[in-house]
């Protein structure tokens, strides 16, 4: 018979790390299974229902244009930046300032988890976007809006949507 050692076995990963990795993977799978890619008019109607038309001088066309050029209307879009931050959801709201990821030191001005911004019902996303446009830059807070939407005729973004 072989003598057994009573010394604890070395684990490659501590149990807590494995649990965190599993929870992160599960969160990604659940989020991606709930992803929604809106159509142009469907998004315009939802944003209208949330009161985005005319909010802080913006139009529905501004918001639809922004959503197209940031996420392609995809609620589950996440873009990872070189500084470790993420851009989240249909408006690609950044974790550096606006939402909480794993870094507890971020300001989290929207008082939301970044994963909440991936929800297809858009409530949390709209609330956060409204906070962002209250800043002095307004919609110009988004580089995509400045580059692709600002100063342009955006009427095509909502034409034919029966709003």
C-alpha atoms as a PDB file:
ATOM      1  CA  UNK A   1       0.000   0.000   0.000  1.00  0.00           C
ATOM      2  CA  UNK A   2       1.110   3.486  -0.804  1.00  0.00           C
ATOM      3  CA  UNK A   3       1.512   5.951   2.031  1.00  0.00           C
ATOM      4  CA  UNK A   4      -0.710   8.998   1.683  1.00  0.00           C
ATOM      5  CA  UNK A   5       0.514  12.428   2.498  1.00  0.00           C
ATOM      6  CA  UNK A   6      -1.744  14.482   4.728  1.00  0.00           C
ATOM      7  CA  UNK A   7      -0.318  17.718   3.376  1.00  0.00           C
ATOM      8  CA  UNK A   8      -2.888  19.818   1.538  1.00  0.00           C
ATOM      9  CA  UNK A   9      -2.711  19.591  -2.210  1.00  0.00           C
ATOM     10  CA  UNK A  10      -1.589  22.672  -4.091  1.00  0.00           C
ATOM     11  CA  UNK A  11      -4.320  24.202  -6.184  1.00  0.00           C
ATOM     12  CA  UNK A  12      -3.523  25.899  -9.450  1.00  0.00           C
ATOM     13  CA  UNK A  13      -6.173  28.530  -8.786  1.00  0.00           C
ATOM     14  CA  UNK A  14      -7.481  29.512  -5.374  1.00  0.00           C
ATOM     15  CA  UNK A  15     -11.153  28.622  -4.935  1.00  0.00           C
ATOM     16  CA  UNK A  16     -12.223  32.274  -4.784  1.00  0.00           C
ATOM     17  CA  UNK A  17     -10.606  32.953  -8.159  1.00  0.00           C
ATOM     18  CA  UNK A  18     -12.420  30.034  -9.740  1.00  0.00           C
ATOM     19  CA  UNK A  19     -15.737  31.254  -8.346  1.00  0.00           C
ATOM     20  CA  UNK A  20     -15.121  34.776  -9.645  1.00  0.00           C
ATOM     21  CA  UNK A  21     -14.173  33.446 -13.077  1.00  0.00           C
ATOM     22  CA  UNK A  22     -17.283  31.255 -13.175  1.00  0.00           C
ATOM     23  CA  UNK A  23     -19.534  34.152 -12.095  1.00  0.00           C
ATOM     24  CA  UNK A  24     -18.019  36.398 -14.765  1.00  0.00           C
ATOM     25  CA  UNK A  25     -18.518  33.765 -17.456  1.00  0.00           C
ATOM     26  CA  UNK A  26     -22.079  33.157 -16.329  1.00  0.00           C
ATOM     27  CA  UNK A  27     -22.770  36.893 -16.388  1.00  0.00           C
ATOM     28  CA  UNK A  28     -21.468  37.145 -19.935  1.00  0.00           C
ATOM     29  CA  UNK A  29     -23.572  34.207 -21.069  1.00  0.00           C
ATOM     30  CA  UNK A  30     -26.723  35.574 -19.454  1.00  0.00           C
ATOM     31  CA  UNK A  31     -26.120  39.037 -20.884  1.00  0.00           C
ATOM     32  CA  UNK A  32     -25.464  37.755 -24.380  1.00  0.00           C
ATOM     33  CA  UNK A  33     -28.574  35.565 -24.280  1.00  0.00           C
ATOM     34  CA  UNK A  34     -30.617  38.691 -23.539  1.00  0.00           C
ATOM     35  CA  UNK A  35     -29.001  40.799 -26.254  1.00  0.00           C
ATOM     36  CA  UNK A  36     -31.240  42.765 -28.547  1.00  0.00           C
ATOM     37  CA  UNK A  37     -30.375  44.513 -31.758  1.00  0.00           C
ATOM     38  CA  UNK A  38     -33.046  47.120 -32.366  1.00  0.00           C
ATOM     39  CA  UNK A  39     -34.248  48.245 -35.751  1.00  0.00           C
ATOM     40  CA  UNK A  40     -33.996  51.969 -36.467  1.00  0.00           C
ATOM     41  CA  UNK A  41     -37.711  52.692 -36.043  1.00  0.00           C
ATOM     42  CA  UNK A  42     -38.169  50.324 -33.114  1.00  0.00           C
ATOM     43  CA  UNK A  43     -35.409  52.163 -31.237  1.00  0.00           C
ATOM     44  CA  UNK A  44     -36.882  55.559 -32.141  1.00  0.00           C
ATOM     45  CA  UNK A  45     -40.269  54.507 -30.718  1.00  0.00           C
ATOM     46  CA  UNK A  46     -38.736  53.159 -27.497  1.00  0.00           C
ATOM     47  CA  UNK A  47     -36.683  56.321 -26.998  1.00  0.00           C
ATOM     48  CA  UNK A  48     -39.773  58.430 -27.667  1.00  0.00           C
ATOM     49  CA  UNK A  49     -41.644  56.482 -24.967  1.00  0.00           C
ATOM     50  CA  UNK A  50     -38.801  57.295 -22.552  1.00  0.00           C
ATOM     51  CA  UNK A  51     -39.127  61.018 -23.323  1.00  0.00           C
ATOM     52  CA  UNK A  52     -35.862  61.433 -25.225  1.00  0.00           C
ATOM     53  CA  UNK A  53     -37.384  63.667 -27.940  1.00  0.00           C
ATOM     54  CA  UNK A  54     -36.364  67.226 -27.108  1.00  0.00           C
ATOM     55  CA  UNK A  55     -34.491  66.240 -23.944  1.00  0.00           C
ATOM     56  CA  UNK A  56     -31.817  68.894 -23.411  1.00  0.00           C
ATOM     57  CA  UNK A  57     -32.280  70.051 -27.002  1.00  0.00           C
ATOM     58  CA  UNK A  58     -31.712  66.627 -28.554  1.00  0.00           C
ATOM     59  CA  UNK A  59     -33.944  64.943 -31.091  1.00  0.00           C
ATOM     60  CA  UNK A  60     -34.852  61.295 -31.511  1.00  0.00           C
ATOM     61  CA  UNK A  61     -32.793  61.393 -34.690  1.00  0.00           C
ATOM     62  CA  UNK A  62     -29.746  62.457 -32.653  1.00  0.00           C
ATOM     63  CA  UNK A  63     -30.160  59.472 -30.328  1.00  0.00           C
ATOM     64  CA  UNK A  64     -30.811  56.987 -33.132  1.00  0.00           C
ATOM     65  CA  UNK A  65     -27.789  58.260 -35.063  1.00  0.00           C
ATOM     66  CA  UNK A  66     -25.655  57.985 -31.918  1.00  0.00           C
ATOM     67  CA  UNK A  67     -26.834  54.436 -31.212  1.00  0.00           C
ATOM     68  CA  UNK A  68     -26.077  53.345 -34.765  1.00  0.00           C
ATOM     69  CA  UNK A  69     -22.539  54.715 -34.792  1.00  0.00           C
ATOM     70  CA  UNK A  70     -21.655  53.524 -31.285  1.00  0.00           C
ATOM     71  CA  UNK A  71     -23.157  50.033 -31.151  1.00  0.00           C
ATOM     72  CA  UNK A  72     -25.048  49.274 -34.350  1.00  0.00           C
ATOM     73  CA  UNK A  73     -28.238  49.334 -32.191  1.00  0.00           C
ATOM     74  CA  UNK A  74     -26.908  46.381 -30.144  1.00  0.00           C
ATOM     75  CA  UNK A  75     -27.824  46.508 -26.443  1.00  0.00           C
ATOM     76  CA  UNK A  76     -25.130  43.971 -25.524  1.00  0.00           C
ATOM     77  CA  UNK A  77     -22.232  45.764 -27.216  1.00  0.00           C
ATOM     78  CA  UNK A  78     -19.126  46.008 -25.024  1.00  0.00           C
ATOM     79  CA  UNK A  79     -15.891  47.567 -26.228  1.00  0.00           C
ATOM     80  CA  UNK A  80     -12.702  47.177 -24.185  1.00  0.00           C
ATOM     81  CA  UNK A  81     -10.388  50.200 -24.070  1.00  0.00           C
ATOM     82  CA  UNK A  82      -6.593  50.136 -23.666  1.00  0.00           C
ATOM     83  CA  UNK A  83      -6.876  51.737 -20.203  1.00  0.00           C
ATOM     84  CA  UNK A  84      -8.975  48.797 -18.949  1.00  0.00           C
ATOM     85  CA  UNK A  85     -12.298  50.627 -19.098  1.00  0.00           C
ATOM     86  CA  UNK A  86     -15.257  49.407 -21.109  1.00  0.00           C
ATOM     87  CA  UNK A  87     -17.869  51.087 -23.286  1.00  0.00           C
ATOM     88  CA  UNK A  88     -21.217  49.490 -22.574  1.00  0.00           C
ATOM     89  CA  UNK A  89     -24.561  49.030 -24.254  1.00  0.00           C
ATOM     90  CA  UNK A  90     -26.402  50.689 -27.082  1.00  0.00           C
ATOM     91  CA  UNK A  91     -24.837  54.132 -26.365  1.00  0.00           C
ATOM     92  CA  UNK A  92     -21.415  52.726 -25.363  1.00  0.00           C
ATOM     93  CA  UNK A  93     -21.316  54.400 -21.941  1.00  0.00           C
ATOM     94  CA  UNK A  94     -17.820  54.286 -20.464  1.00  0.00           C
ATOM     95  CA  UNK A  95     -16.951  52.666 -17.141  1.00  0.00           C
ATOM     96  CA  UNK A  96     -14.176  55.164 -16.463  1.00  0.00           C
ATOM     97  CA  UNK A  97     -16.698  57.661 -15.146  1.00  0.00           C
ATOM     98  CA  UNK A  98     -20.310  56.605 -15.581  1.00  0.00           C
ATOM     99  CA  UNK A  99     -20.837  53.037 -14.360  1.00  0.00           C
ATOM    100  CA  UNK A 100     -19.328  50.505 -11.996  1.00  0.00           C
ATOM    101  CA  UNK A 101     -17.292  47.556 -13.238  1.00  0.00           C
ATOM    102  CA  UNK A 102     -14.864  45.628 -11.071  1.00  0.00           C
ATOM    103  CA  UNK A 103     -12.839  48.750 -10.170  1.00  0.00           C
ATOM    104  CA  UNK A 104     -14.290  50.221  -6.953  1.00  0.00           C
ATOM    105  CA  UNK A 105     -12.416  53.510  -7.465  1.00  0.00           C
ATOM    106  CA  UNK A 106     -14.427  54.784 -10.451  1.00  0.00           C
ATOM    107  CA  UNK A 107     -16.818  57.689  -9.868  1.00  0.00           C
ATOM    108  CA  UNK A 108     -19.923  55.747 -11.106  1.00  0.00           C
ATOM    109  CA  UNK A 109     -21.884  58.947 -11.795  1.00  0.00           C
ATOM    110  CA  UNK A 110     -24.905  57.010 -13.064  1.00  0.00           C
ATOM    111  CA  UNK A 111     -24.982  54.916  -9.876  1.00  0.00           C
ATOM    112  CA  UNK A 112     -25.361  51.736 -11.927  1.00  0.00           C
ATOM    113  CA  UNK A 113     -23.381  48.629 -12.705  1.00  0.00           C
ATOM    114  CA  UNK A 114     -22.060  48.613 -16.263  1.00  0.00           C
ATOM    115  CA  UNK A 115     -23.847  45.300 -16.815  1.00  0.00           C
ATOM    116  CA  UNK A 116     -27.168  47.118 -16.191  1.00  0.00           C
ATOM    117  CA  UNK A 117     -26.457  49.120 -19.352  1.00  0.00           C
ATOM    118  CA  UNK A 118     -26.636  45.924 -21.423  1.00  0.00           C
ATOM    119  CA  UNK A 119     -30.302  45.293 -20.642  1.00  0.00           C
ATOM    120  CA  UNK A 120     -32.513  45.205 -23.751  1.00  0.00           C
ATOM    121  CA  UNK A 121     -35.311  47.189 -22.088  1.00  0.00           C
ATOM    122  CA  UNK A 122     -33.030  50.290 -22.085  1.00  0.00           C
ATOM    123  CA  UNK A 123     -34.426  51.855 -18.899  1.00  0.00           C
ATOM    124  CA  UNK A 124     -31.084  52.005 -17.076  1.00  0.00           C
ATOM    125  CA  UNK A 125     -29.286  53.041 -20.246  1.00  0.00           C
ATOM    126  CA  UNK A 126     -31.678  55.924 -20.900  1.00  0.00           C
ATOM    127  CA  UNK A 127     -31.424  57.143 -17.304  1.00  0.00           C
ATOM    128  CA  UNK A 128     -27.640  57.165 -17.543  1.00  0.00           C
ATOM    129  CA  UNK A 129     -27.621  58.802 -21.007  1.00  0.00           C
ATOM    130  CA  UNK A 130     -29.871  61.554 -19.654  1.00  0.00           C
ATOM    131  CA  UNK A 131     -27.323  62.205 -16.899  1.00  0.00           C
ATOM    132  CA  UNK A 132     -24.517  62.368 -19.436  1.00  0.00           C
ATOM    133  CA  UNK A 133     -26.280  64.948 -21.640  1.00  0.00           C
ATOM    134  CA  UNK A 134     -26.824  67.127 -18.569  1.00  0.00           C
ATOM    135  CA  UNK A 135     -23.074  67.731 -18.642  1.00  0.00           C
ATOM    136  CA  UNK A 136     -21.885  70.919 -20.397  1.00  0.00           C
ATOM    137  CA  UNK A 137     -20.882  68.970 -23.546  1.00  0.00           C
ATOM    138  CA  UNK A 138     -24.333  67.406 -23.942  1.00  0.00           C
ATOM    139  CA  UNK A 139     -24.428  64.897 -26.790  1.00  0.00           C
ATOM    140  CA  UNK A 140     -20.940  66.033 -27.767  1.00  0.00           C
ATOM    141  CA  UNK A 141     -19.760  63.897 -24.834  1.00  0.00           C
ATOM    142  CA  UNK A 142     -19.847  61.081 -27.404  1.00  0.00           C
ATOM    143  CA  UNK A 143     -17.111  61.258 -30.022  1.00  0.00           C
ATOM    144  CA  UNK A 144     -19.251  59.171 -32.380  1.00  0.00           C
ATOM    145  CA  UNK A 145     -22.039  61.765 -32.238  1.00  0.00           C
ATOM    146  CA  UNK A 146     -19.581  64.629 -32.883  1.00  0.00           C
ATOM    147  CA  UNK A 147     -18.017  62.790 -35.814  1.00  0.00           C
ATOM    148  CA  UNK A 148     -21.098  61.306 -37.504  1.00  0.00           C
ATOM    149  CA  UNK A 149     -24.213  63.172 -36.364  1.00  0.00           C
ATOM    150  CA  UNK A 150     -23.464  66.706 -35.177  1.00  0.00           C
ATOM    151  CA  UNK A 151     -24.442  69.421 -37.632  1.00  0.00           C
ATOM    152  CA  UNK A 152     -25.906  66.983 -40.160  1.00  0.00           C
ATOM    153  CA  UNK A 153     -29.440  66.528 -41.450  1.00  0.00           C
ATOM    154  CA  UNK A 154     -30.549  63.538 -39.394  1.00  0.00           C
ATOM    155  CA  UNK A 155     -34.147  63.359 -40.568  1.00  0.00           C
ATOM    156  CA  UNK A 156     -33.498  60.074 -42.413  1.00  0.00           C
ATOM    157  CA  UNK A 157     -32.878  58.372 -39.074  1.00  0.00           C
ATOM    158  CA  UNK A 158     -36.562  58.670 -38.116  1.00  0.00           C
ATOM    159  CA  UNK A 159     -38.279  58.988 -41.514  1.00  0.00           C
ATOM    160  CA  UNK A 160     -41.079  56.477 -41.969  1.00  0.00           C
ATOM    161  CA  UNK A 161     -41.128  55.471 -38.307  1.00  0.00           C
ATOM    162  CA  UNK A 162     -44.715  56.632 -37.581  1.00  0.00           C
ATOM    163  CA  UNK A 163     -43.743  58.578 -34.485  1.00  0.00           C
END
